[in-house]
Amino acid sequence: MADKRKLTTADGSVADPQRDYFEDVYEVVKQVPVGRVTTYGSIAQYLSLRAGARMVGWAMTAAHGRDDVPAHRVVNRLGILSGKNFFGSPTRMQELLEAEGVAVDDDTVVDFKNRLWDPSIELAS
């Protein structure tokens, strides 16, 4: 599990340990590659957030409207587009994922296990 105090930002710098955890969540989400998805719980585990996935959900809700955070790449632990109603239309999250090559069927990422990007593995140093 990563030490939040040593979080590396998308530009390679080390994050300030005193900053708002929302920004830590956003830095992780910014690193999810095009064509991949991650989960609220995976981000929470990586950042060692006490209230877990729920805290990541709060941060992601606040991220809507920020063009620098690819919020559409964050799904629930089953690959379901649980945040889809925060995208202005109920199909926008799916459209964004499909534009990146991620197939979605019935609000669920197809081939979820192979599309999953886990920061605890991918960002391990």
Protein backbone atom coordinates (compact mmCIF):
# COMPACT_ATOMS: atom_id res chain seq x y z
CA MET A 1 0.00 0.00 0.00
CA ALA A 2 1.32 3.42 -0.92
CA ASP A 3 2.22 6.05 1.61
CA LYS A 4 0.02 9.07 0.91
CA ARG A 5 2.82 11.38 2.03
CA LYS A 6 4.86 10.24 -0.96
CA LEU A 7 2.17 10.49 -3.65
CA THR A 8 3.67 11.34 -7.00
CA THR A 9 1.59 13.72 -9.09
CA ALA A 10 0.88 13.33 -12.81
CA ASP A 11 3.83 15.61 -13.63
CA GLY A 12 6.23 13.50 -11.53
CA SER A 13 6.55 15.83 -8.55
CA VAL A 14 5.83 14.75 -4.98
CA ALA A 15 2.48 15.94 -3.61
CA ASP A 16 2.32 18.23 -0.58
CA PRO A 17 1.19 16.02 2.37
CA GLN A 18 -0.87 18.91 3.83
CA ARG A 19 -3.14 19.42 0.82
CA ASP A 20 -6.78 18.44 0.47
CA TYR A 21 -7.27 14.71 -0.16
CA PHE A 22 -9.54 15.58 -3.12
CA GLU A 23 -6.41 16.74 -4.96
CA ASP A 24 -4.67 13.45 -4.11
CA VAL A 25 -7.62 11.55 -5.61
CA TYR A 26 -7.50 13.73 -8.72
CA GLU A 27 -3.77 13.12 -9.18
CA VAL A 28 -4.37 9.37 -9.17
CA VAL A 29 -7.31 9.64 -11.59
CA LYS A 30 -5.23 11.77 -13.97
CA GLN A 31 -2.81 8.84 -14.28
CA VAL A 32 -5.43 6.30 -15.41
CA PRO A 33 -4.50 5.58 -19.03
CA VAL A 34 -6.90 6.09 -21.92
CA GLY A 35 -8.75 2.83 -22.51
CA ARG A 36 -8.53 1.74 -18.87
CA VAL A 37 -10.71 2.22 -15.78
CA THR A 38 -10.12 2.17 -12.05
CA THR A 39 -12.41 1.87 -9.05
CA TYR A 40 -13.29 4.08 -6.13
CA GLY A 41 -12.01 1.37 -3.80
CA SER A 42 -8.69 0.94 -5.63
CA ILE A 43 -7.99 4.65 -5.31
CA ALA A 44 -9.01 4.64 -1.64
CA GLN A 45 -6.73 1.70 -0.89
CA TYR A 46 -3.81 3.33 -2.68
CA LEU A 47 -4.28 6.58 -0.74
CA SER A 48 -5.07 4.81 2.57
CA LEU A 49 -8.30 6.79 2.98
CA ARG A 50 -10.12 5.91 6.21
CA ALA A 51 -13.67 6.02 4.84
CA GLY A 52 -12.53 4.28 1.69
CA ALA A 53 -14.45 4.32 -1.54
CA ARG A 54 -17.04 6.72 -0.16
CA MET A 55 -14.40 9.44 0.26
CA VAL A 56 -13.24 8.91 -3.31
CA GLY A 57 -16.87 9.18 -4.42
CA TRP A 58 -17.18 12.56 -2.69
CA ALA A 59 -14.05 13.78 -4.43
CA MET A 60 -15.24 12.53 -7.81
CA THR A 61 -18.62 14.21 -7.38
CA ALA A 62 -16.79 17.48 -6.76
CA ALA A 63 -14.57 16.90 -9.83
CA HIS A 64 -17.35 17.21 -12.37
CA GLY A 65 -16.78 20.30 -14.43
CA ARG A 66 -13.00 19.96 -14.16
CA ASP A 67 -11.63 19.17 -17.59
CA ASP A 68 -8.30 18.00 -16.15
CA VAL A 69 -9.81 15.05 -14.22
CA PRO A 70 -11.04 12.11 -16.37
CA ALA A 71 -13.81 11.20 -13.92
CA HIS A 72 -15.44 8.89 -16.48
CA ARG A 73 -12.60 6.39 -15.91
CA VAL A 74 -13.71 5.71 -12.31
CA VAL A 75 -16.31 2.96 -11.84
CA ASN A 76 -17.50 0.83 -8.96
CA ARG A 77 -15.88 -2.45 -7.89
CA LEU A 78 -18.04 -4.44 -10.32
CA GLY A 79 -17.25 -2.24 -13.31
CA ILE A 80 -20.65 -0.53 -13.19
CA LEU A 81 -20.91 3.12 -14.25
CA SER A 82 -22.29 4.12 -10.85
CA GLY A 83 -21.36 7.79 -11.35
CA LYS A 84 -23.11 8.14 -14.70
CA ASN A 85 -25.77 10.54 -13.43
CA PHE A 86 -23.15 13.21 -12.69
CA PHE A 87 -22.23 13.68 -16.37
CA GLY A 88 -25.07 15.90 -17.55
CA SER A 89 -26.82 13.06 -19.40
CA PRO A 90 -27.21 9.43 -18.38
CA THR A 91 -25.26 8.25 -21.43
CA ARG A 92 -22.35 10.72 -21.38
CA MET A 93 -20.04 8.60 -19.18
CA GLN A 94 -20.55 5.61 -21.48
CA GLU A 95 -19.94 7.78 -24.56
CA LEU A 96 -16.66 9.07 -23.12
CA LEU A 97 -15.46 5.55 -22.31
CA GLU A 98 -16.48 4.19 -25.70
CA ALA A 99 -14.62 7.04 -27.42
CA GLU A 100 -11.50 5.71 -25.64
CA GLY A 101 -12.11 2.14 -26.80
CA VAL A 102 -13.81 0.84 -23.64
CA ALA A 103 -16.89 -1.24 -24.47
CA VAL A 104 -19.86 -0.79 -22.15
CA ASP A 105 -22.96 -2.98 -22.02
CA ASP A 106 -25.91 -2.36 -19.71
CA ASP A 107 -23.93 0.31 -17.79
CA THR A 108 -21.08 -2.15 -17.11
CA VAL A 109 -17.54 -2.16 -18.52
CA VAL A 110 -17.08 -5.17 -20.81
CA ASP A 111 -13.91 -7.14 -20.03
CA PHE A 112 -13.64 -5.23 -16.76
CA LYS A 113 -10.85 -7.34 -15.25
CA ASN A 114 -8.57 -6.69 -18.22
CA ARG A 115 -9.46 -2.98 -18.34
CA LEU A 116 -8.89 -2.46 -14.61
CA TRP A 117 -5.99 -0.17 -13.72
CA ASP A 118 -5.06 -0.59 -10.04
CA PRO A 119 -2.86 2.24 -8.73
CA SER A 120 -1.45 0.02 -5.97
CA ILE A 121 0.04 -2.17 -8.70
CA GLU A 122 0.59 0.30 -11.53
CA LEU A 123 2.14 3.05 -9.39
CA ALA A 124 4.18 0.77 -7.12
CA SER A 125 7.74 1.97 -6.87
